[in-house]
């Protein structure tokens, strides 16, 4: 749905560009930069013979915020993931 010059809804293609103005039309949405990289940390411990626990952190190092022509926003967009896993061995 198009209201004035603003597109509302989930229709259209999602594209990944370093510059948000490149290749964007009314049928597409620029989401962010195409390359992401980061670090993964995992710590696990076996409590008894059958129980275990793991703590994991995935930290994105790349800034995914695209530029807008010559303008580079000051905000940073990075992926992060944290997880706790409980395990039971049969």
PDB file of N, CA and C in Angstrom:
ATOM      1  N   UNK A   1       0.850  -1.159   0.000  1.00  0.00           N
ATOM      2  CA  UNK A   1       0.000   0.000   0.000  1.00  0.00           C
ATOM      3  C   UNK A   1       0.907   1.237   0.000  1.00  0.00           C
ATOM      4  N   UNK A   2       0.536   2.220  -0.780  1.00  0.00           N
ATOM      5  CA  UNK A   2       1.319   3.440  -0.905  1.00  0.00           C
ATOM      6  C   UNK A   2       0.494   4.624  -0.403  1.00  0.00           C
ATOM      7  N   UNK A   3       1.005   5.320   0.609  1.00  0.00           N
ATOM      8  CA  UNK A   3       0.362   6.521   1.145  1.00  0.00           C
ATOM      9  C   UNK A   3       1.276   7.688   0.845  1.00  0.00           C
ATOM     10  N   UNK A   4       0.831   8.610  -0.004  1.00  0.00           N
ATOM     11  CA  UNK A   4       1.666   9.686  -0.539  1.00  0.00           C
ATOM     12  C   UNK A   4       2.920   9.058  -1.152  1.00  0.00           C
ATOM     13  N   UNK A   5       4.092   9.300  -0.605  1.00  0.00           N
ATOM     14  CA  UNK A   5       5.315   8.698  -1.140  1.00  0.00           C
ATOM     15  C   UNK A   5       5.919   7.675  -0.174  1.00  0.00           C
ATOM     16  N   UNK A   6       5.122   7.197   0.792  1.00  0.00           N
ATOM     17  CA  UNK A   6       5.586   6.234   1.780  1.00  0.00           C
ATOM     18  C   UNK A   6       4.938   4.890   1.508  1.00  0.00           C
ATOM     19  N   UNK A   7       5.763   3.847   1.397  1.00  0.00           N
ATOM     20  CA  UNK A   7       5.256   2.507   1.162  1.00  0.00           C
ATOM     21  C   UNK A   7       5.031   1.803   2.484  1.00  0.00           C
ATOM     22  N   UNK A   8       3.821   1.288   2.689  1.00  0.00           N
ATOM     23  CA  UNK A   8       3.438   0.576   3.892  1.00  0.00           C
ATOM     24  C   UNK A   8       3.106  -0.860   3.503  1.00  0.00           C
ATOM     25  N   UNK A   9       3.606  -1.824   4.257  1.00  0.00           N
ATOM     26  CA  UNK A   9       3.276  -3.215   3.983  1.00  0.00           C
ATOM     27  C   UNK A   9       4.512  -4.048   3.758  1.00  0.00           C
ATOM     28  N   UNK A  10       4.287  -5.317   3.447  1.00  0.00           N
ATOM     29  CA  UNK A  10       5.387  -6.257   3.318  1.00  0.00           C
ATOM     30  C   UNK A  10       5.656  -6.654   1.873  1.00  0.00           C
ATOM     31  N   UNK A  11       5.097  -5.968   0.903  1.00  0.00           N
ATOM     32  CA  UNK A  11       5.331  -6.305  -0.490  1.00  0.00           C
ATOM     33  C   UNK A  11       6.605  -5.647  -0.983  1.00  0.00           C
ATOM     34  N   UNK A  12       7.296  -6.316  -1.888  1.00  0.00           N
ATOM     35  CA  UNK A  12       8.504  -5.756  -2.465  1.00  0.00           C
ATOM     36  C   UNK A  12       9.722  -6.589  -2.133  1.00  0.00           C
ATOM     37  N   UNK A  13      10.842  -6.235  -2.737  1.00  0.00           N
ATOM     38  CA  UNK A  13      12.100  -6.940  -2.557  1.00  0.00           C
ATOM     39  C   UNK A  13      12.954  -6.243  -1.508  1.00  0.00           C
ATOM     40  N   UNK A  14      13.668  -7.037  -0.729  1.00  0.00           N
ATOM     41  CA  UNK A  14      14.643  -6.510   0.217  1.00  0.00           C
ATOM     42  C   UNK A  14      16.004  -6.629  -0.446  1.00  0.00           C
ATOM     43  N   UNK A  15      16.735  -5.523  -0.512  1.00  0.00           N
ATOM     44  CA  UNK A  15      18.059  -5.527  -1.120  1.00  0.00           C
ATOM     45  C   UNK A  15      19.090  -5.081  -0.088  1.00  0.00           C
ATOM     46  N   UNK A  16      20.326  -5.533  -0.280  1.00  0.00           N
ATOM     47  CA  UNK A  16      21.427  -5.196   0.617  1.00  0.00           C
ATOM     48  C   UNK A  16      22.465  -4.424  -0.186  1.00  0.00           C
ATOM     49  N   UNK A  17      22.702  -3.165   0.171  1.00  0.00           N
ATOM     50  CA  UNK A  17      23.664  -2.297  -0.502  1.00  0.00           C
ATOM     51  C   UNK A  17      24.464  -1.521   0.530  1.00  0.00           C
ATOM     52  N   UNK A  18      25.684  -1.127   0.152  1.00  0.00           N
ATOM     53  CA  UNK A  18      26.460  -0.238   1.008  1.00  0.00           C
ATOM     54  C   UNK A  18      25.872   1.162   1.005  1.00  0.00           C
ATOM     55  N   UNK A  19      25.246   1.556  -0.115  1.00  0.00           N
ATOM     56  CA  UNK A  19      24.584   2.858  -0.241  1.00  0.00           C
ATOM     57  C   UNK A  19      23.091   2.604  -0.391  1.00  0.00           C
ATOM     58  N   UNK A  20      22.287   3.120   0.540  1.00  0.00           N
ATOM     59  CA  UNK A  20      20.852   2.862   0.545  1.00  0.00           C
ATOM     60  C   UNK A  20      20.132   3.500  -0.634  1.00  0.00           C
ATOM     61  N   UNK A  21      20.755   4.443  -1.341  1.00  0.00           N
ATOM     62  CA  UNK A  21      20.120   5.086  -2.485  1.00  0.00           C
ATOM     63  C   UNK A  21      20.317   4.304  -3.781  1.00  0.00           C
ATOM     64  N   UNK A  22      21.239   3.341  -3.809  1.00  0.00           N
ATOM     65  CA  UNK A  22      21.521   2.587  -5.031  1.00  0.00           C
ATOM     66  C   UNK A  22      20.489   1.485  -5.231  1.00  0.00           C
ATOM     67  N   UNK A  23      19.883   1.426  -6.399  1.00  0.00           N
ATOM     68  CA  UNK A  23      18.985   0.343  -6.767  1.00  0.00           C
ATOM     69  C   UNK A  23      17.660   0.315  -6.047  1.00  0.00           C
ATOM     70  N   UNK A  24      17.301   1.366  -5.314  1.00  0.00           N
ATOM     71  CA  UNK A  24      16.050   1.390  -4.565  1.00  0.00           C
ATOM     72  C   UNK A  24      14.940   1.948  -5.443  1.00  0.00           C
ATOM     73  N   UNK A  25      13.795   1.289  -5.427  1.00  0.00           N
ATOM     74  CA  UNK A  25      12.611   1.762  -6.138  1.00  0.00           C
ATOM     75  C   UNK A  25      11.411   1.586  -5.217  1.00  0.00           C
ATOM     76  N   UNK A  26      10.220   1.853  -5.730  1.00  0.00           N
ATOM     77  CA  UNK A  26       9.027   1.672  -4.907  1.00  0.00           C
ATOM     78  C   UNK A  26       8.747   0.198  -4.638  1.00  0.00           C
ATOM     79  N   UNK A  27       9.347  -0.694  -5.423  1.00  0.00           N
ATOM     80  CA  UNK A  27       9.141  -2.128  -5.234  1.00  0.00           C
ATOM     81  C   UNK A  27      10.248  -2.779  -4.408  1.00  0.00           C
ATOM     82  N   UNK A  28      11.169  -1.994  -3.841  1.00  0.00           N
ATOM     83  CA  UNK A  28      12.265  -2.577  -3.069  1.00  0.00           C
ATOM     84  C   UNK A  28      12.535  -1.755  -1.814  1.00  0.00           C
ATOM     85  N   UNK A  29      13.226  -2.385  -0.879  1.00  0.00           N
ATOM     86  CA  UNK A  29      13.561  -1.758   0.396  1.00  0.00           C
ATOM     87  C   UNK A  29      15.018  -2.066   0.701  1.00  0.00           C
ATOM     88  N   UNK A  30      15.813  -1.054   0.934  1.00  0.00           N
ATOM     89  CA  UNK A  30      17.222  -1.245   1.266  1.00  0.00           C
ATOM     90  C   UNK A  30      17.338  -1.518   2.756  1.00  0.00           C
ATOM     91  N   UNK A  31      17.885  -2.704   3.107  1.00  0.00           N
ATOM     92  CA  UNK A  31      17.914  -3.137   4.503  1.00  0.00           C
ATOM     93  C   UNK A  31      19.226  -2.835   5.196  1.00  0.00           C
ATOM     94  N   UNK A  32      20.334  -3.025   4.531  1.00  0.00           N
ATOM     95  CA  UNK A  32      21.620  -2.806   5.182  1.00  0.00           C
ATOM     96  C   UNK A  32      22.756  -3.250   4.290  1.00  0.00           C
ATOM     97  N   UNK A  33      23.941  -3.256   4.843  1.00  0.00           N
ATOM     98  CA  UNK A  33      25.122  -3.666   4.082  1.00  0.00           C
ATOM     99  C   UNK A  33      25.113  -5.176   3.857  1.00  0.00           C
ATOM    100  N   UNK A  34      25.705  -5.640   2.759  1.00  0.00           N
ATOM    101  CA  UNK A  34      25.591  -7.056   2.406  1.00  0.00           C
ATOM    102  C   UNK A  34      26.549  -7.989   3.141  1.00  0.00           C
ATOM    103  N   UNK A  35      27.597  -7.501   3.780  1.00  0.00           N
ATOM    104  CA  UNK A  35      28.595  -8.368   4.410  1.00  0.00           C
ATOM    105  C   UNK A  35      28.584  -8.150   5.923  1.00  0.00           C
ATOM    106  N   UNK A  36      28.526  -9.275   6.645  1.00  0.00           N
ATOM    107  CA  UNK A  36      28.559  -9.225   8.100  1.00  0.00           C
ATOM    108  C   UNK A  36      29.628 -10.207   8.589  1.00  0.00           C
ATOM    109  N   UNK A  37      30.317  -9.862   9.652  1.00  0.00           N
ATOM    110  CA  UNK A  37      31.302 -10.745  10.264  1.00  0.00           C
ATOM    111  C   UNK A  37      31.320 -10.472  11.759  1.00  0.00           C
ATOM    112  N   UNK A  38      31.776 -11.460  12.525  1.00  0.00           N
ATOM    113  CA  UNK A  38      31.767 -11.285  13.971  1.00  0.00           C
ATOM    114  C   UNK A  38      32.572 -12.353  14.664  1.00  0.00           C
ATOM    115  N   UNK A  39      32.329 -12.497  15.959  1.00  0.00           N
ATOM    116  CA  UNK A  39      33.042 -13.454  16.795  1.00  0.00           C
ATOM    117  C   UNK A  39      32.024 -14.271  17.581  1.00  0.00           C
ATOM    118  N   UNK A  40      32.380 -15.508  17.863  1.00  0.00           N
ATOM    119  CA  UNK A  40      31.521 -16.417  18.600  1.00  0.00           C
ATOM    120  C   UNK A  40      32.279 -16.928  19.824  1.00  0.00           C
ATOM    121  N   UNK A  41      31.646 -16.897  20.993  1.00  0.00           N
ATOM    122  CA  UNK A  41      32.242 -17.378  22.233  1.00  0.00           C
ATOM    123  C   UNK A  41      31.320 -18.425  22.836  1.00  0.00           C
ATOM    124  N   UNK A  42      31.878 -19.549  23.247  1.00  0.00           N
ATOM    125  CA  UNK A  42      31.086 -20.644  23.808  1.00  0.00           C
ATOM    126  C   UNK A  42      31.814 -21.187  25.037  1.00  0.00           C
ATOM    127  N   UNK A  43      31.075 -21.312  26.122  1.00  0.00           N
ATOM    128  CA  UNK A  43      31.605 -21.872  27.362  1.00  0.00           C
ATOM    129  C   UNK A  43      30.622 -22.933  27.835  1.00  0.00           C
ATOM    130  N   UNK A  44      31.116 -24.149  28.057  1.00  0.00           N
ATOM    131  CA  UNK A  44      30.252 -25.239  28.486  1.00  0.00           C
ATOM    132  C   UNK A  44      30.821 -25.954  29.686  1.00  0.00           C
ATOM    133  N   UNK A  45      29.926 -26.585  30.451  1.00  0.00           N
ATOM    134  CA  UNK A  45      30.346 -27.323  31.641  1.00  0.00           C
ATOM    135  C   UNK A  45      29.410 -28.511  31.818  1.00  0.00           C
ATOM    136  N   UNK A  46      29.981 -29.675  32.095  1.00  0.00           N
ATOM    137  CA  UNK A  46      29.186 -30.863  32.367  1.00  0.00           C
ATOM    138  C   UNK A  46      29.030 -30.987  33.877  1.00  0.00           C
ATOM    139  N   UNK A  47      27.782 -30.898  34.366  1.00  0.00           N
ATOM    140  CA  UNK A  47      27.511 -30.853  35.805  1.00  0.00           C
ATOM    141  C   UNK A  47      27.643 -32.231  36.446  1.00  0.00           C
ATOM    142  N   UNK A  48      26.997 -33.203  35.915  1.00  0.00           N
ATOM    143  CA  UNK A  48      27.127 -34.579  36.386  1.00  0.00           C
ATOM    144  C   UNK A  48      27.415 -35.405  35.142  1.00  0.00           C
ATOM    145  N   UNK A  49      27.108 -36.650  35.153  1.00  0.00           N
ATOM    146  CA  UNK A  49      27.332 -37.418  33.943  1.00  0.00           C
ATOM    147  C   UNK A  49      26.232 -37.153  32.913  1.00  0.00           C
ATOM    148  N   UNK A  50      25.108 -36.638  33.316  1.00  0.00           N
ATOM    149  CA  UNK A  50      23.990 -36.471  32.387  1.00  0.00           C
ATOM    150  C   UNK A  50      23.601 -35.023  32.127  1.00  0.00           C
ATOM    151  N   UNK A  51      23.930 -34.101  32.986  1.00  0.00           N
ATOM    152  CA  UNK A  51      23.512 -32.705  32.824  1.00  0.00           C
ATOM    153  C   UNK A  51      24.674 -31.837  32.345  1.00  0.00           C
ATOM    154  N   UNK A  52      24.360 -30.907  31.465  1.00  0.00           N
ATOM    155  CA  UNK A  52      25.371 -29.954  31.002  1.00  0.00           C
ATOM    156  C   UNK A  52      24.712 -28.597  30.802  1.00  0.00           C
ATOM    157  N   UNK A  53      25.535 -27.566  30.838  1.00  0.00           N
ATOM    158  CA  UNK A  53      25.065 -26.201  30.607  1.00  0.00           C
ATOM    159  C   UNK A  53      26.077 -25.505  29.699  1.00  0.00           C
ATOM    160  N   UNK A  54      25.569 -24.675  28.785  1.00  0.00           N
ATOM    161  CA  UNK A  54      26.422 -23.906  27.877  1.00  0.00           C
ATOM    162  C   UNK A  54      25.940 -22.461  27.832  1.00  0.00           C
ATOM    163  N   UNK A  55      26.889 -21.554  27.739  1.00  0.00           N
ATOM    164  CA  UNK A  55      26.606 -20.131  27.571  1.00  0.00           C
ATOM    165  C   UNK A  55      27.311 -19.697  26.284  1.00  0.00           C
ATOM    166  N   UNK A  56      26.582 -19.026  25.420  1.00  0.00           N
ATOM    167  CA  UNK A  56      27.131 -18.647  24.118  1.00  0.00           C
ATOM    168  C   UNK A  56      26.847 -17.176  23.842  1.00  0.00           C
ATOM    169  N   UNK A  57      27.818 -16.517  23.208  1.00  0.00           N
ATOM    170  CA  UNK A  57      27.657 -15.124  22.779  1.00  0.00           C
ATOM    171  C   UNK A  57      28.180 -15.002  21.352  1.00  0.00           C
ATOM    172  N   UNK A  58      27.374 -14.409  20.483  1.00  0.00           N
ATOM    173  CA  UNK A  58      27.781 -14.094  19.118  1.00  0.00           C
ATOM    174  C   UNK A  58      27.719 -12.579  18.977  1.00  0.00           C
ATOM    175  N   UNK A  59      28.841 -11.977  18.651  1.00  0.00           N
ATOM    176  CA  UNK A  59      28.953 -10.521  18.610  1.00  0.00           C
ATOM    177  C   UNK A  59      29.341 -10.101  17.201  1.00  0.00           C
ATOM    178  N   UNK A  60      28.489  -9.293  16.568  1.00  0.00           N
ATOM    179  CA  UNK A  60      28.797  -8.770  15.242  1.00  0.00           C
ATOM    180  C   UNK A  60      29.817  -7.649  15.339  1.00  0.00           C
ATOM    181  N   UNK A  61      30.815  -7.687  14.474  1.00  0.00           N
ATOM    182  CA  UNK A  61      31.847  -6.658  14.470  1.00  0.00           C
ATOM    183  C   UNK A  61      31.636  -5.629  13.362  1.00  0.00           C
ATOM    184  N   UNK A  62      30.885  -5.983  12.339  1.00  0.00           N
ATOM    185  CA  UNK A  62      30.665  -5.094  11.194  1.00  0.00           C
ATOM    186  C   UNK A  62      29.497  -4.149  11.467  1.00  0.00           C
ATOM    187  N   UNK A  63      29.639  -2.911  11.039  1.00  0.00           N
ATOM    188  CA  UNK A  63      28.547  -1.938  11.087  1.00  0.00           C
ATOM    189  C   UNK A  63      27.690  -2.155   9.844  1.00  0.00           C
ATOM    190  N   UNK A  64      26.417  -2.517  10.029  1.00  0.00           N
ATOM    191  CA  UNK A  64      25.527  -2.826   8.915  1.00  0.00           C
ATOM    192  C   UNK A  64      24.712  -1.630   8.441  1.00  0.00           C
ATOM    193  N   UNK A  65      24.894  -0.462   9.058  1.00  0.00           N
ATOM    194  CA  UNK A  65      24.153   0.725   8.666  1.00  0.00           C
ATOM    195  C   UNK A  65      24.650   1.223   7.312  1.00  0.00           C
ATOM    196  N   UNK A  66      23.776   1.285   6.302  1.00  0.00           N
ATOM    197  CA  UNK A  66      24.226   1.771   4.994  1.00  0.00           C
ATOM    198  C   UNK A  66      24.387   3.287   4.991  1.00  0.00           C
ATOM    199  N   UNK A  67      25.176   3.777   4.068  1.00  0.00           N
ATOM    200  CA  UNK A  67      25.266   5.228   3.880  1.00  0.00           C
ATOM    201  C   UNK A  67      24.100   5.669   3.004  1.00  0.00           C
ATOM    202  N   UNK A  68      23.807   6.939   3.005  1.00  0.00           N
ATOM    203  CA  UNK A  68      22.750   7.528   2.188  1.00  0.00           C
ATOM    204  C   UNK A  68      23.401   8.592   1.319  1.00  0.00           C
ATOM    205  N   UNK A  69      23.965   8.167   0.198  1.00  0.00           N
ATOM    206  CA  UNK A  69      24.739   9.078  -0.642  1.00  0.00           C
ATOM    207  C   UNK A  69      26.025   9.434   0.076  1.00  0.00           C
ATOM    208  N   UNK A  70      26.252  10.734   0.303  1.00  0.00           N
ATOM    209  CA  UNK A  70      27.446  11.185   1.020  1.00  0.00           C
ATOM    210  C   UNK A  70      27.256  11.211   2.535  1.00  0.00           C
ATOM    211  N   UNK A  71      26.025  10.969   3.002  1.00  0.00           N
ATOM    212  CA  UNK A  71      25.726  11.030   4.439  1.00  0.00           C
ATOM    213  C   UNK A  71      25.897   9.654   5.069  1.00  0.00           C
ATOM    214  N   UNK A  72      26.699   9.578   6.143  1.00  0.00           N
ATOM    215  CA  UNK A  72      26.866   8.348   6.912  1.00  0.00           C
ATOM    216  C   UNK A  72      26.269   8.578   8.297  1.00  0.00           C
ATOM    217  N   UNK A  73      25.176   7.870   8.653  1.00  0.00           N
ATOM    218  CA  UNK A  73      24.567   8.059   9.975  1.00  0.00           C
ATOM    219  C   UNK A  73      25.542   7.713  11.098  1.00  0.00           C
ATOM    220  N   UNK A  74      25.373   8.379  12.239  1.00  0.00           N
ATOM    221  CA  UNK A  74      26.235   8.114  13.396  1.00  0.00           C
ATOM    222  C   UNK A  74      25.837   6.847  14.133  1.00  0.00           C
ATOM    223  N   UNK A  75      24.600   6.382  13.916  1.00  0.00           N
ATOM    224  CA  UNK A  75      24.147   5.178  14.610  1.00  0.00           C
ATOM    225  C   UNK A  75      24.841   3.944  14.050  1.00  0.00           C
ATOM    226  N   UNK A  76      24.959   2.929  14.884  1.00  0.00           N
ATOM    227  CA  UNK A  76      25.586   1.664  14.508  1.00  0.00           C
ATOM    228  C   UNK A  76      24.537   0.558  14.581  1.00  0.00           C
ATOM    229  N   UNK A  77      24.531  -0.308  13.588  1.00  0.00           N
ATOM    230  CA  UNK A  77      23.644  -1.460  13.551  1.00  0.00           C
ATOM    231  C   UNK A  77      24.520  -2.707  13.499  1.00  0.00           C
ATOM    232  N   UNK A  78      24.498  -3.499  14.584  1.00  0.00           N
ATOM    233  CA  UNK A  78      25.325  -4.703  14.664  1.00  0.00           C
ATOM    234  C   UNK A  78      24.479  -5.855  15.173  1.00  0.00           C
ATOM    235  N   UNK A  79      24.772  -7.055  14.677  1.00  0.00           N
ATOM    236  CA  UNK A  79      24.090  -8.251  15.133  1.00  0.00           C
ATOM    237  C   UNK A  79      24.681  -8.727  16.453  1.00  0.00           C
ATOM    238  N   UNK A  80      23.804  -9.189  17.350  1.00  0.00           N
ATOM    239  CA  UNK A  80      24.231  -9.774  18.621  1.00  0.00           C
ATOM    240  C   UNK A  80      23.287 -10.913  18.971  1.00  0.00           C
ATOM    241  N   UNK A  81      23.830 -11.943  19.565  1.00  0.00           N
ATOM    242  CA  UNK A  81      23.027 -13.078  19.979  1.00  0.00           C
ATOM    243  C   UNK A  81      23.629 -13.662  21.251  1.00  0.00           C
ATOM    244  N   UNK A  82      22.783 -13.940  22.225  1.00  0.00           N
ATOM    245  CA  UNK A  82      23.211 -14.565  23.470  1.00  0.00           C
ATOM    246  C   UNK A  82      22.316 -15.774  23.718  1.00  0.00           C
ATOM    247  N   UNK A  83      22.890 -16.869  24.212  1.00  0.00           N
ATOM    248  CA  UNK A  83      22.111 -18.081  24.433  1.00  0.00           C
ATOM    249  C   UNK A  83      22.616 -18.832  25.653  1.00  0.00           C
ATOM    250  N   UNK A  84      21.679 -19.480  26.342  1.00  0.00           N
ATOM    251  CA  UNK A  84      21.987 -20.384  27.427  1.00  0.00           C
ATOM    252  C   UNK A  84      21.323 -21.713  27.061  1.00  0.00           C
ATOM    253  N   UNK A  85      22.100 -22.788  27.122  1.00  0.00           N
ATOM    254  CA  UNK A  85      21.591 -24.106  26.759  1.00  0.00           C
ATOM    255  C   UNK A  85      21.761 -25.064  27.913  1.00  0.00           C
ATOM    256  N   UNK A  86      20.694 -25.772  28.227  1.00  0.00           N
ATOM    257  CA  UNK A  86      20.726 -26.845  29.228  1.00  0.00           C
ATOM    258  C   UNK A  86      20.591 -28.153  28.478  1.00  0.00           C
ATOM    259  N   UNK A  87      21.451 -29.119  28.809  1.00  0.00           N
ATOM    260  CA  UNK A  87      21.420 -30.392  28.107  1.00  0.00           C
ATOM    261  C   UNK A  87      21.286 -31.572  29.048  1.00  0.00           C
ATOM    262  N   UNK A  88      20.671 -32.626  28.527  1.00  0.00           N
ATOM    263  CA  UNK A  88      20.533 -33.864  29.278  1.00  0.00           C
ATOM    264  C   UNK A  88      20.949 -35.014  28.380  1.00  0.00           C
ATOM    265  N   UNK A  89      21.875 -35.836  28.845  1.00  0.00           N
ATOM    266  CA  UNK A  89      22.346 -36.990  28.071  1.00  0.00           C
ATOM    267  C   UNK A  89      21.602 -38.236  28.509  1.00  0.00           C
ATOM    268  N   UNK A  90      21.102 -38.966  27.562  1.00  0.00           N
ATOM    269  CA  UNK A  90      20.384 -40.230  27.852  1.00  0.00           C
ATOM    270  C   UNK A  90      21.346 -41.373  27.970  1.00  0.00           C
TER     271      UNK A  90
END
